[in-house]
PDBML (XML) file of the C-alpha atoms, coordinates in Angstrom:
<?xml version="1.0" encoding="UTF-8" ?>
<PDBx:datablock datablockName="MODEL"
   xmlns:PDBx="http://pdbml.pdb.org/schema/pdbx-v50.xsd"
   xmlns:xsi="http://www.w3.org/2001/XMLSchema-instance"
   xsi:schemaLocation="http://pdbml.pdb.org/schema/pdbx-v50.xsd pdbx-v50.xsd">
   <PDBx:atom_siteCategory>
      <PDBx:atom_site id="1">
         <PDBx:B_iso_or_equiv>0.00</PDBx:B_iso_or_equiv>
         <PDBx:Cartn_x>-24.953</PDBx:Cartn_x>
         <PDBx:Cartn_y>43.083</PDBx:Cartn_y>
         <PDBx:Cartn_z>45.124</PDBx:Cartn_z>
         <PDBx:auth_asym_id>A</PDBx:auth_asym_id>
         <PDBx:auth_atom_id>CA</PDBx:auth_atom_id>
         <PDBx:auth_comp_id>LEU</PDBx:auth_comp_id>
         <PDBx:auth_seq_id>1</PDBx:auth_seq_id>
         <PDBx:group_PDB>ATOM</PDBx:group_PDB>
         <PDBx:label_alt_id xsi:nil="true" />
         <PDBx:label_asym_id>A</PDBx:label_asym_id>
         <PDBx:label_atom_id>CA</PDBx:label_atom_id>
         <PDBx:label_comp_id>LEU</PDBx:label_comp_id>
         <PDBx:label_entity_id>1</PDBx:label_entity_id>
         <PDBx:label_seq_id>1</PDBx:label_seq_id>
         <PDBx:occupancy>1.00</PDBx:occupancy>
         <PDBx:pdbx_PDB_model_num>1</PDBx:pdbx_PDB_model_num>
         <PDBx:type_symbol>C</PDBx:type_symbol>
      </PDBx:atom_site>
      <PDBx:atom_site id="2">
         <PDBx:B_iso_or_equiv>0.00</PDBx:B_iso_or_equiv>
         <PDBx:Cartn_x>-24.298</PDBx:Cartn_x>
         <PDBx:Cartn_y>39.379</PDBx:Cartn_y>
         <PDBx:Cartn_z>44.694</PDBx:Cartn_z>
         <PDBx:auth_asym_id>A</PDBx:auth_asym_id>
         <PDBx:auth_atom_id>CA</PDBx:auth_atom_id>
         <PDBx:auth_comp_id>ASP</PDBx:auth_comp_id>
         <PDBx:auth_seq_id>2</PDBx:auth_seq_id>
         <PDBx:group_PDB>ATOM</PDBx:group_PDB>
         <PDBx:label_alt_id xsi:nil="true" />
         <PDBx:label_asym_id>A</PDBx:label_asym_id>
         <PDBx:label_atom_id>CA</PDBx:label_atom_id>
         <PDBx:label_comp_id>ASP</PDBx:label_comp_id>
         <PDBx:label_entity_id>1</PDBx:label_entity_id>
         <PDBx:label_seq_id>2</PDBx:label_seq_id>
         <PDBx:occupancy>1.00</PDBx:occupancy>
         <PDBx:pdbx_PDB_model_num>1</PDBx:pdbx_PDB_model_num>
         <PDBx:type_symbol>C</PDBx:type_symbol>
      </PDBx:atom_site>
      <PDBx:atom_site id="3">
         <PDBx:B_iso_or_equiv>0.00</PDBx:B_iso_or_equiv>
         <PDBx:Cartn_x>-21.082</PDBx:Cartn_x>
         <PDBx:Cartn_y>39.821</PDBx:Cartn_y>
         <PDBx:Cartn_z>46.686</PDBx:Cartn_z>
         <PDBx:auth_asym_id>A</PDBx:auth_asym_id>
         <PDBx:auth_atom_id>CA</PDBx:auth_atom_id>
         <PDBx:auth_comp_id>HIS</PDBx:auth_comp_id>
         <PDBx:auth_seq_id>3</PDBx:auth_seq_id>
         <PDBx:group_PDB>ATOM</PDBx:group_PDB>
         <PDBx:label_alt_id xsi:nil="true" />
         <PDBx:label_asym_id>A</PDBx:label_asym_id>
         <PDBx:label_atom_id>CA</PDBx:label_atom_id>
         <PDBx:label_comp_id>HIS</PDBx:label_comp_id>
         <PDBx:label_entity_id>1</PDBx:label_entity_id>
         <PDBx:label_seq_id>3</PDBx:label_seq_id>
         <PDBx:occupancy>1.00</PDBx:occupancy>
         <PDBx:pdbx_PDB_model_num>1</PDBx:pdbx_PDB_model_num>
         <PDBx:type_symbol>C</PDBx:type_symbol>
      </PDBx:atom_site>
      <PDBx:atom_site id="4">
         <PDBx:B_iso_or_equiv>0.00</PDBx:B_iso_or_equiv>
         <PDBx:Cartn_x>-23.310</PDBx:Cartn_x>
         <PDBx:Cartn_y>40.948</PDBx:Cartn_y>
         <PDBx:Cartn_z>49.556</PDBx:Cartn_z>
         <PDBx:auth_asym_id>A</PDBx:auth_asym_id>
         <PDBx:auth_atom_id>CA</PDBx:auth_atom_id>
         <PDBx:auth_comp_id>TYR</PDBx:auth_comp_id>
         <PDBx:auth_seq_id>4</PDBx:auth_seq_id>
         <PDBx:group_PDB>ATOM</PDBx:group_PDB>
         <PDBx:label_alt_id xsi:nil="true" />
         <PDBx:label_asym_id>A</PDBx:label_asym_id>
         <PDBx:label_atom_id>CA</PDBx:label_atom_id>
         <PDBx:label_comp_id>TYR</PDBx:label_comp_id>
         <PDBx:label_entity_id>1</PDBx:label_entity_id>
         <PDBx:label_seq_id>4</PDBx:label_seq_id>
         <PDBx:occupancy>1.00</PDBx:occupancy>
         <PDBx:pdbx_PDB_model_num>1</PDBx:pdbx_PDB_model_num>
         <PDBx:type_symbol>C</PDBx:type_symbol>
      </PDBx:atom_site>
      <PDBx:atom_site id="5">
         <PDBx:B_iso_or_equiv>0.00</PDBx:B_iso_or_equiv>
         <PDBx:Cartn_x>-25.529</PDBx:Cartn_x>
         <PDBx:Cartn_y>37.877</PDBx:Cartn_y>
         <PDBx:Cartn_z>49.112</PDBx:Cartn_z>
         <PDBx:auth_asym_id>A</PDBx:auth_asym_id>
         <PDBx:auth_atom_id>CA</PDBx:auth_atom_id>
         <PDBx:auth_comp_id>GLY</PDBx:auth_comp_id>
         <PDBx:auth_seq_id>5</PDBx:auth_seq_id>
         <PDBx:group_PDB>ATOM</PDBx:group_PDB>
         <PDBx:label_alt_id xsi:nil="true" />
         <PDBx:label_asym_id>A</PDBx:label_asym_id>
         <PDBx:label_atom_id>CA</PDBx:label_atom_id>
         <PDBx:label_comp_id>GLY</PDBx:label_comp_id>
         <PDBx:label_entity_id>1</PDBx:label_entity_id>
         <PDBx:label_seq_id>5</PDBx:label_seq_id>
         <PDBx:occupancy>1.00</PDBx:occupancy>
         <PDBx:pdbx_PDB_model_num>1</PDBx:pdbx_PDB_model_num>
         <PDBx:type_symbol>C</PDBx:type_symbol>
      </PDBx:atom_site>
      <PDBx:atom_site id="6">
         <PDBx:B_iso_or_equiv>0.00</PDBx:B_iso_or_equiv>
         <PDBx:Cartn_x>-28.332</PDBx:Cartn_x>
         <PDBx:Cartn_y>39.819</PDBx:Cartn_y>
         <PDBx:Cartn_z>47.413</PDBx:Cartn_z>
         <PDBx:auth_asym_id>A</PDBx:auth_asym_id>
         <PDBx:auth_atom_id>CA</PDBx:auth_atom_id>
         <PDBx:auth_comp_id>VAL</PDBx:auth_comp_id>
         <PDBx:auth_seq_id>6</PDBx:auth_seq_id>
         <PDBx:group_PDB>ATOM</PDBx:group_PDB>
         <PDBx:label_alt_id xsi:nil="true" />
         <PDBx:label_asym_id>A</PDBx:label_asym_id>
         <PDBx:label_atom_id>CA</PDBx:label_atom_id>
         <PDBx:label_comp_id>VAL</PDBx:label_comp_id>
         <PDBx:label_entity_id>1</PDBx:label_entity_id>
         <PDBx:label_seq_id>6</PDBx:label_seq_id>
         <PDBx:occupancy>1.00</PDBx:occupancy>
         <PDBx:pdbx_PDB_model_num>1</PDBx:pdbx_PDB_model_num>
         <PDBx:type_symbol>C</PDBx:type_symbol>
      </PDBx:atom_site>
      <PDBx:atom_site id="7">
         <PDBx:B_iso_or_equiv>0.00</PDBx:B_iso_or_equiv>
         <PDBx:Cartn_x>-29.719</PDBx:Cartn_x>
         <PDBx:Cartn_y>38.216</PDBx:Cartn_y>
         <PDBx:Cartn_z>44.233</PDBx:Cartn_z>
         <PDBx:auth_asym_id>A</PDBx:auth_asym_id>
         <PDBx:auth_atom_id>CA</PDBx:auth_atom_id>
         <PDBx:auth_comp_id>ALA</PDBx:auth_comp_id>
         <PDBx:auth_seq_id>7</PDBx:auth_seq_id>
         <PDBx:group_PDB>ATOM</PDBx:group_PDB>
         <PDBx:label_alt_id xsi:nil="true" />
         <PDBx:label_asym_id>A</PDBx:label_asym_id>
         <PDBx:label_atom_id>CA</PDBx:label_atom_id>
         <PDBx:label_comp_id>ALA</PDBx:label_comp_id>
         <PDBx:label_entity_id>1</PDBx:label_entity_id>
         <PDBx:label_seq_id>7</PDBx:label_seq_id>
         <PDBx:occupancy>1.00</PDBx:occupancy>
         <PDBx:pdbx_PDB_model_num>1</PDBx:pdbx_PDB_model_num>
         <PDBx:type_symbol>C</PDBx:type_symbol>
      </PDBx:atom_site>
      <PDBx:atom_site id="8">
         <PDBx:B_iso_or_equiv>0.00</PDBx:B_iso_or_equiv>
         <PDBx:Cartn_x>-31.333</PDBx:Cartn_x>
         <PDBx:Cartn_y>40.657</PDBx:Cartn_y>
         <PDBx:Cartn_z>41.786</PDBx:Cartn_z>
         <PDBx:auth_asym_id>A</PDBx:auth_asym_id>
         <PDBx:auth_atom_id>CA</PDBx:auth_atom_id>
         <PDBx:auth_comp_id>VAL</PDBx:auth_comp_id>
         <PDBx:auth_seq_id>8</PDBx:auth_seq_id>
         <PDBx:group_PDB>ATOM</PDBx:group_PDB>
         <PDBx:label_alt_id xsi:nil="true" />
         <PDBx:label_asym_id>A</PDBx:label_asym_id>
         <PDBx:label_atom_id>CA</PDBx:label_atom_id>
         <PDBx:label_comp_id>VAL</PDBx:label_comp_id>
         <PDBx:label_entity_id>1</PDBx:label_entity_id>
         <PDBx:label_seq_id>8</PDBx:label_seq_id>
         <PDBx:occupancy>1.00</PDBx:occupancy>
         <PDBx:pdbx_PDB_model_num>1</PDBx:pdbx_PDB_model_num>
         <PDBx:type_symbol>C</PDBx:type_symbol>
      </PDBx:atom_site>
      <PDBx:atom_site id="9">
         <PDBx:B_iso_or_equiv>0.00</PDBx:B_iso_or_equiv>
         <PDBx:Cartn_x>-31.682</PDBx:Cartn_x>
         <PDBx:Cartn_y>40.621</PDBx:Cartn_y>
         <PDBx:Cartn_z>38.028</PDBx:Cartn_z>
         <PDBx:auth_asym_id>A</PDBx:auth_asym_id>
         <PDBx:auth_atom_id>CA</PDBx:auth_atom_id>
         <PDBx:auth_comp_id>ARG</PDBx:auth_comp_id>
         <PDBx:auth_seq_id>9</PDBx:auth_seq_id>
         <PDBx:group_PDB>ATOM</PDBx:group_PDB>
         <PDBx:label_alt_id xsi:nil="true" />
         <PDBx:label_asym_id>A</PDBx:label_asym_id>
         <PDBx:label_atom_id>CA</PDBx:label_atom_id>
         <PDBx:label_comp_id>ARG</PDBx:label_comp_id>
         <PDBx:label_entity_id>1</PDBx:label_entity_id>
         <PDBx:label_seq_id>9</PDBx:label_seq_id>
         <PDBx:occupancy>1.00</PDBx:occupancy>
         <PDBx:pdbx_PDB_model_num>1</PDBx:pdbx_PDB_model_num>
         <PDBx:type_symbol>C</PDBx:type_symbol>
      </PDBx:atom_site>
      <PDBx:atom_site id="10">
         <PDBx:B_iso_or_equiv>0.00</PDBx:B_iso_or_equiv>
         <PDBx:Cartn_x>-29.679</PDBx:Cartn_x>
         <PDBx:Cartn_y>42.957</PDBx:Cartn_y>
         <PDBx:Cartn_z>35.794</PDBx:Cartn_z>
         <PDBx:auth_asym_id>A</PDBx:auth_asym_id>
         <PDBx:auth_atom_id>CA</PDBx:auth_atom_id>
         <PDBx:auth_comp_id>ALA</PDBx:auth_comp_id>
         <PDBx:auth_seq_id>10</PDBx:auth_seq_id>
         <PDBx:group_PDB>ATOM</PDBx:group_PDB>
         <PDBx:label_alt_id xsi:nil="true" />
         <PDBx:label_asym_id>A</PDBx:label_asym_id>
         <PDBx:label_atom_id>CA</PDBx:label_atom_id>
         <PDBx:label_comp_id>ALA</PDBx:label_comp_id>
         <PDBx:label_entity_id>1</PDBx:label_entity_id>
         <PDBx:label_seq_id>10</PDBx:label_seq_id>
         <PDBx:occupancy>1.00</PDBx:occupancy>
         <PDBx:pdbx_PDB_model_num>1</PDBx:pdbx_PDB_model_num>
         <PDBx:type_symbol>C</PDBx:type_symbol>
      </PDBx:atom_site>
      <PDBx:atom_site id="11">
         <PDBx:B_iso_or_equiv>0.00</PDBx:B_iso_or_equiv>
         <PDBx:Cartn_x>-30.328</PDBx:Cartn_x>
         <PDBx:Cartn_y>43.391</PDBx:Cartn_y>
         <PDBx:Cartn_z>32.083</PDBx:Cartn_z>
         <PDBx:auth_asym_id>A</PDBx:auth_asym_id>
         <PDBx:auth_atom_id>CA</PDBx:auth_atom_id>
         <PDBx:auth_comp_id>GLY</PDBx:auth_comp_id>
         <PDBx:auth_seq_id>11</PDBx:auth_seq_id>
         <PDBx:group_PDB>ATOM</PDBx:group_PDB>
         <PDBx:label_alt_id xsi:nil="true" />
         <PDBx:label_asym_id>A</PDBx:label_asym_id>
         <PDBx:label_atom_id>CA</PDBx:label_atom_id>
         <PDBx:label_comp_id>GLY</PDBx:label_comp_id>
         <PDBx:label_entity_id>1</PDBx:label_entity_id>
         <PDBx:label_seq_id>11</PDBx:label_seq_id>
         <PDBx:occupancy>1.00</PDBx:occupancy>
         <PDBx:pdbx_PDB_model_num>1</PDBx:pdbx_PDB_model_num>
         <PDBx:type_symbol>C</PDBx:type_symbol>
      </PDBx:atom_site>
      <PDBx:atom_site id="12">
         <PDBx:B_iso_or_equiv>0.00</PDBx:B_iso_or_equiv>
         <PDBx:Cartn_x>-33.118</PDBx:Cartn_x>
         <PDBx:Cartn_y>44.152</PDBx:Cartn_y>
         <PDBx:Cartn_z>29.666</PDBx:Cartn_z>
         <PDBx:auth_asym_id>A</PDBx:auth_asym_id>
         <PDBx:auth_atom_id>CA</PDBx:auth_atom_id>
         <PDBx:auth_comp_id>HIS</PDBx:auth_comp_id>
         <PDBx:auth_seq_id>12</PDBx:auth_seq_id>
         <PDBx:group_PDB>ATOM</PDBx:group_PDB>
         <PDBx:label_alt_id xsi:nil="true" />
         <PDBx:label_asym_id>A</PDBx:label_asym_id>
         <PDBx:label_atom_id>CA</PDBx:label_atom_id>
         <PDBx:label_comp_id>HIS</PDBx:label_comp_id>
         <PDBx:label_entity_id>1</PDBx:label_entity_id>
         <PDBx:label_seq_id>12</PDBx:label_seq_id>
         <PDBx:occupancy>1.00</PDBx:occupancy>
         <PDBx:pdbx_PDB_model_num>1</PDBx:pdbx_PDB_model_num>
         <PDBx:type_symbol>C</PDBx:type_symbol>
      </PDBx:atom_site>
      <PDBx:atom_site id="13">
         <PDBx:B_iso_or_equiv>0.00</PDBx:B_iso_or_equiv>
         <PDBx:Cartn_x>-35.411</PDBx:Cartn_x>
         <PDBx:Cartn_y>41.505</PDBx:Cartn_y>
         <PDBx:Cartn_z>31.225</PDBx:Cartn_z>
         <PDBx:auth_asym_id>A</PDBx:auth_asym_id>
         <PDBx:auth_atom_id>CA</PDBx:auth_atom_id>
         <PDBx:auth_comp_id>HIS</PDBx:auth_comp_id>
         <PDBx:auth_seq_id>13</PDBx:auth_seq_id>
         <PDBx:group_PDB>ATOM</PDBx:group_PDB>
         <PDBx:label_alt_id xsi:nil="true" />
         <PDBx:label_asym_id>A</PDBx:label_asym_id>
         <PDBx:label_atom_id>CA</PDBx:label_atom_id>
         <PDBx:label_comp_id>HIS</PDBx:label_comp_id>
         <PDBx:label_entity_id>1</PDBx:label_entity_id>
         <PDBx:label_seq_id>13</PDBx:label_seq_id>
         <PDBx:occupancy>1.00</PDBx:occupancy>
         <PDBx:pdbx_PDB_model_num>1</PDBx:pdbx_PDB_model_num>
         <PDBx:type_symbol>C</PDBx:type_symbol>
      </PDBx:atom_site>
      <PDBx:atom_site id="14">
         <PDBx:B_iso_or_equiv>0.00</PDBx:B_iso_or_equiv>
         <PDBx:Cartn_x>-36.456</PDBx:Cartn_x>
         <PDBx:Cartn_y>40.228</PDBx:Cartn_y>
         <PDBx:Cartn_z>27.793</PDBx:Cartn_z>
         <PDBx:auth_asym_id>A</PDBx:auth_asym_id>
         <PDBx:auth_atom_id>CA</PDBx:auth_atom_id>
         <PDBx:auth_comp_id>CYS</PDBx:auth_comp_id>
         <PDBx:auth_seq_id>14</PDBx:auth_seq_id>
         <PDBx:group_PDB>ATOM</PDBx:group_PDB>
         <PDBx:label_alt_id xsi:nil="true" />
         <PDBx:label_asym_id>A</PDBx:label_asym_id>
         <PDBx:label_atom_id>CA</PDBx:label_atom_id>
         <PDBx:label_comp_id>CYS</PDBx:label_comp_id>
         <PDBx:label_entity_id>1</PDBx:label_entity_id>
         <PDBx:label_seq_id>14</PDBx:label_seq_id>
         <PDBx:occupancy>1.00</PDBx:occupancy>
         <PDBx:pdbx_PDB_model_num>1</PDBx:pdbx_PDB_model_num>
         <PDBx:type_symbol>C</PDBx:type_symbol>
      </PDBx:atom_site>
      <PDBx:atom_site id="15">
         <PDBx:B_iso_or_equiv>0.00</PDBx:B_iso_or_equiv>
         <PDBx:Cartn_x>-38.141</PDBx:Cartn_x>
         <PDBx:Cartn_y>43.592</PDBx:Cartn_y>
         <PDBx:Cartn_z>27.257</PDBx:Cartn_z>
         <PDBx:auth_asym_id>A</PDBx:auth_asym_id>
         <PDBx:auth_atom_id>CA</PDBx:auth_atom_id>
         <PDBx:auth_comp_id>ALA</PDBx:auth_comp_id>
         <PDBx:auth_seq_id>15</PDBx:auth_seq_id>
         <PDBx:group_PDB>ATOM</PDBx:group_PDB>
         <PDBx:label_alt_id xsi:nil="true" />
         <PDBx:label_asym_id>A</PDBx:label_asym_id>
         <PDBx:label_atom_id>CA</PDBx:label_atom_id>
         <PDBx:label_comp_id>ALA</PDBx:label_comp_id>
         <PDBx:label_entity_id>1</PDBx:label_entity_id>
         <PDBx:label_seq_id>15</PDBx:label_seq_id>
         <PDBx:occupancy>1.00</PDBx:occupancy>
         <PDBx:pdbx_PDB_model_num>1</PDBx:pdbx_PDB_model_num>
         <PDBx:type_symbol>C</PDBx:type_symbol>
      </PDBx:atom_site>
      <PDBx:atom_site id="16">
         <PDBx:B_iso_or_equiv>0.00</PDBx:B_iso_or_equiv>
         <PDBx:Cartn_x>-35.763</PDBx:Cartn_x>
         <PDBx:Cartn_y>45.484</PDBx:Cartn_y>
         <PDBx:Cartn_z>24.972</PDBx:Cartn_z>
         <PDBx:auth_asym_id>A</PDBx:auth_asym_id>
         <PDBx:auth_atom_id>CA</PDBx:auth_atom_id>
         <PDBx:auth_comp_id>MET</PDBx:auth_comp_id>
         <PDBx:auth_seq_id>16</PDBx:auth_seq_id>
         <PDBx:group_PDB>ATOM</PDBx:group_PDB>
         <PDBx:label_alt_id xsi:nil="true" />
         <PDBx:label_asym_id>A</PDBx:label_asym_id>
         <PDBx:label_atom_id>CA</PDBx:label_atom_id>
         <PDBx:label_comp_id>MET</PDBx:label_comp_id>
         <PDBx:label_entity_id>1</PDBx:label_entity_id>
         <PDBx:label_seq_id>16</PDBx:label_seq_id>
         <PDBx:occupancy>1.00</PDBx:occupancy>
         <PDBx:pdbx_PDB_model_num>1</PDBx:pdbx_PDB_model_num>
         <PDBx:type_symbol>C</PDBx:type_symbol>
      </PDBx:atom_site>
      <PDBx:atom_site id="17">
         <PDBx:B_iso_or_equiv>0.00</PDBx:B_iso_or_equiv>
         <PDBx:Cartn_x>-38.471</PDBx:Cartn_x>
         <PDBx:Cartn_y>47.827</PDBx:Cartn_y>
         <PDBx:Cartn_z>23.610</PDBx:Cartn_z>
         <PDBx:auth_asym_id>A</PDBx:auth_asym_id>
         <PDBx:auth_atom_id>CA</PDBx:auth_atom_id>
         <PDBx:auth_comp_id>PRO</PDBx:auth_comp_id>
         <PDBx:auth_seq_id>17</PDBx:auth_seq_id>
         <PDBx:group_PDB>ATOM</PDBx:group_PDB>
         <PDBx:label_alt_id xsi:nil="true" />
         <PDBx:label_asym_id>A</PDBx:label_asym_id>
         <PDBx:label_atom_id>CA</PDBx:label_atom_id>
         <PDBx:label_comp_id>PRO</PDBx:label_comp_id>
         <PDBx:label_entity_id>1</PDBx:label_entity_id>
         <PDBx:label_seq_id>17</PDBx:label_seq_id>
         <PDBx:occupancy>1.00</PDBx:occupancy>
         <PDBx:pdbx_PDB_model_num>1</PDBx:pdbx_PDB_model_num>
         <PDBx:type_symbol>C</PDBx:type_symbol>
      </PDBx:atom_site>
      <PDBx:atom_site id="18">
         <PDBx:B_iso_or_equiv>0.00</PDBx:B_iso_or_equiv>
         <PDBx:Cartn_x>-39.147</PDBx:Cartn_x>
         <PDBx:Cartn_y>48.959</PDBx:Cartn_y>
         <PDBx:Cartn_z>27.189</PDBx:Cartn_z>
         <PDBx:auth_asym_id>A</PDBx:auth_asym_id>
         <PDBx:auth_atom_id>CA</PDBx:auth_atom_id>
         <PDBx:auth_comp_id>VAL</PDBx:auth_comp_id>
         <PDBx:auth_seq_id>18</PDBx:auth_seq_id>
         <PDBx:group_PDB>ATOM</PDBx:group_PDB>
         <PDBx:label_alt_id xsi:nil="true" />
         <PDBx:label_asym_id>A</PDBx:label_asym_id>
         <PDBx:label_atom_id>CA</PDBx:label_atom_id>
         <PDBx:label_comp_id>VAL</PDBx:label_comp_id>
         <PDBx:label_entity_id>1</PDBx:label_entity_id>
         <PDBx:label_seq_id>18</PDBx:label_seq_id>
         <PDBx:occupancy>1.00</PDBx:occupancy>
         <PDBx:pdbx_PDB_model_num>1</PDBx:pdbx_PDB_model_num>
         <PDBx:type_symbol>C</PDBx:type_symbol>
      </PDBx:atom_site>
      <PDBx:atom_site id="19">
         <PDBx:B_iso_or_equiv>0.00</PDBx:B_iso_or_equiv>
         <PDBx:Cartn_x>-35.471</PDBx:Cartn_x>
         <PDBx:Cartn_y>49.781</PDBx:Cartn_y>
         <PDBx:Cartn_z>27.690</PDBx:Cartn_z>
         <PDBx:auth_asym_id>A</PDBx:auth_asym_id>
         <PDBx:auth_atom_id>CA</PDBx:auth_atom_id>
         <PDBx:auth_comp_id>MET</PDBx:auth_comp_id>
         <PDBx:auth_seq_id>19</PDBx:auth_seq_id>
         <PDBx:group_PDB>ATOM</PDBx:group_PDB>
         <PDBx:label_alt_id xsi:nil="true" />
         <PDBx:label_asym_id>A</PDBx:label_asym_id>
         <PDBx:label_atom_id>CA</PDBx:label_atom_id>
         <PDBx:label_comp_id>MET</PDBx:label_comp_id>
         <PDBx:label_entity_id>1</PDBx:label_entity_id>
         <PDBx:label_seq_id>19</PDBx:label_seq_id>
         <PDBx:occupancy>1.00</PDBx:occupancy>
         <PDBx:pdbx_PDB_model_num>1</PDBx:pdbx_PDB_model_num>
         <PDBx:type_symbol>C</PDBx:type_symbol>
      </PDBx:atom_site>
      <PDBx:atom_site id="20">
         <PDBx:B_iso_or_equiv>0.00</PDBx:B_iso_or_equiv>
         <PDBx:Cartn_x>-35.450</PDBx:Cartn_x>
         <PDBx:Cartn_y>51.635</PDBx:Cartn_y>
         <PDBx:Cartn_z>24.353</PDBx:Cartn_z>
         <PDBx:auth_asym_id>A</PDBx:auth_asym_id>
         <PDBx:auth_atom_id>CA</PDBx:auth_atom_id>
         <PDBx:auth_comp_id>ASP</PDBx:auth_comp_id>
         <PDBx:auth_seq_id>20</PDBx:auth_seq_id>
         <PDBx:group_PDB>ATOM</PDBx:group_PDB>
         <PDBx:label_alt_id xsi:nil="true" />
         <PDBx:label_asym_id>A</PDBx:label_asym_id>
         <PDBx:label_atom_id>CA</PDBx:label_atom_id>
         <PDBx:label_comp_id>ASP</PDBx:label_comp_id>
         <PDBx:label_entity_id>1</PDBx:label_entity_id>
         <PDBx:label_seq_id>20</PDBx:label_seq_id>
         <PDBx:occupancy>1.00</PDBx:occupancy>
         <PDBx:pdbx_PDB_model_num>1</PDBx:pdbx_PDB_model_num>
         <PDBx:type_symbol>C</PDBx:type_symbol>
      </PDBx:atom_site>
      <PDBx:atom_site id="21">
         <PDBx:B_iso_or_equiv>0.00</PDBx:B_iso_or_equiv>
         <PDBx:Cartn_x>-38.472</PDBx:Cartn_x>
         <PDBx:Cartn_y>53.662</PDBx:Cartn_y>
         <PDBx:Cartn_z>25.497</PDBx:Cartn_z>
         <PDBx:auth_asym_id>A</PDBx:auth_asym_id>
         <PDBx:auth_atom_id>CA</PDBx:auth_atom_id>
         <PDBx:auth_comp_id>PHE</PDBx:auth_comp_id>
         <PDBx:auth_seq_id>21</PDBx:auth_seq_id>
         <PDBx:group_PDB>ATOM</PDBx:group_PDB>
         <PDBx:label_alt_id xsi:nil="true" />
         <PDBx:label_asym_id>A</PDBx:label_asym_id>
         <PDBx:label_atom_id>CA</PDBx:label_atom_id>
         <PDBx:label_comp_id>PHE</PDBx:label_comp_id>
         <PDBx:label_entity_id>1</PDBx:label_entity_id>
         <PDBx:label_seq_id>21</PDBx:label_seq_id>
         <PDBx:occupancy>1.00</PDBx:occupancy>
         <PDBx:pdbx_PDB_model_num>1</PDBx:pdbx_PDB_model_num>
         <PDBx:type_symbol>C</PDBx:type_symbol>
      </PDBx:atom_site>
      <PDBx:atom_site id="22">
         <PDBx:B_iso_or_equiv>0.00</PDBx:B_iso_or_equiv>
         <PDBx:Cartn_x>-36.572</PDBx:Cartn_x>
         <PDBx:Cartn_y>54.878</PDBx:Cartn_y>
         <PDBx:Cartn_z>28.565</PDBx:Cartn_z>
         <PDBx:auth_asym_id>A</PDBx:auth_asym_id>
         <PDBx:auth_atom_id>CA</PDBx:auth_atom_id>
         <PDBx:auth_comp_id>TYR</PDBx:auth_comp_id>
         <PDBx:auth_seq_id>22</PDBx:auth_seq_id>
         <PDBx:group_PDB>ATOM</PDBx:group_PDB>
         <PDBx:label_alt_id xsi:nil="true" />
         <PDBx:label_asym_id>A</PDBx:label_asym_id>
         <PDBx:label_atom_id>CA</PDBx:label_atom_id>
         <PDBx:label_comp_id>TYR</PDBx:label_comp_id>
         <PDBx:label_entity_id>1</PDBx:label_entity_id>
         <PDBx:label_seq_id>22</PDBx:label_seq_id>
         <PDBx:occupancy>1.00</PDBx:occupancy>
         <PDBx:pdbx_PDB_model_num>1</PDBx:pdbx_PDB_model_num>
         <PDBx:type_symbol>C</PDBx:type_symbol>
      </PDBx:atom_site>
      <PDBx:atom_site id="23">
         <PDBx:B_iso_or_equiv>0.00</PDBx:B_iso_or_equiv>
         <PDBx:Cartn_x>-33.328</PDBx:Cartn_x>
         <PDBx:Cartn_y>55.364</PDBx:Cartn_y>
         <PDBx:Cartn_z>26.655</PDBx:Cartn_z>
         <PDBx:auth_asym_id>A</PDBx:auth_asym_id>
         <PDBx:auth_atom_id>CA</PDBx:auth_atom_id>
         <PDBx:auth_comp_id>GLY</PDBx:auth_comp_id>
         <PDBx:auth_seq_id>23</PDBx:auth_seq_id>
         <PDBx:group_PDB>ATOM</PDBx:group_PDB>
         <PDBx:label_alt_id xsi:nil="true" />
         <PDBx:label_asym_id>A</PDBx:label_asym_id>
         <PDBx:label_atom_id>CA</PDBx:label_atom_id>
         <PDBx:label_comp_id>GLY</PDBx:label_comp_id>
         <PDBx:label_entity_id>1</PDBx:label_entity_id>
         <PDBx:label_seq_id>23</PDBx:label_seq_id>
         <PDBx:occupancy>1.00</PDBx:occupancy>
         <PDBx:pdbx_PDB_model_num>1</PDBx:pdbx_PDB_model_num>
         <PDBx:type_symbol>C</PDBx:type_symbol>
      </PDBx:atom_site>
      <PDBx:atom_site id="24">
         <PDBx:B_iso_or_equiv>0.00</PDBx:B_iso_or_equiv>
         <PDBx:Cartn_x>-31.360</PDBx:Cartn_x>
         <PDBx:Cartn_y>52.973</PDBx:Cartn_y>
         <PDBx:Cartn_z>28.875</PDBx:Cartn_z>
         <PDBx:auth_asym_id>A</PDBx:auth_asym_id>
         <PDBx:auth_atom_id>CA</PDBx:auth_atom_id>
         <PDBx:auth_comp_id>ILE</PDBx:auth_comp_id>
         <PDBx:auth_seq_id>24</PDBx:auth_seq_id>
         <PDBx:group_PDB>ATOM</PDBx:group_PDB>
         <PDBx:label_alt_id xsi:nil="true" />
         <PDBx:label_asym_id>A</PDBx:label_asym_id>
         <PDBx:label_atom_id>CA</PDBx:label_atom_id>
         <PDBx:label_comp_id>ILE</PDBx:label_comp_id>
         <PDBx:label_entity_id>1</PDBx:label_entity_id>
         <PDBx:label_seq_id>24</PDBx:label_seq_id>
         <PDBx:occupancy>1.00</PDBx:occupancy>
         <PDBx:pdbx_PDB_model_num>1</PDBx:pdbx_PDB_model_num>
         <PDBx:type_symbol>C</PDBx:type_symbol>
      </PDBx:atom_site>
   </PDBx:atom_siteCategory>
</PDBx:datablock>
């Protein structure tokens, strides 16, 4: 997306337990 000029965040967003909850 950055190569198209679109800035988003990718990662666990400092919320690893949330990612664990969703299994991702």
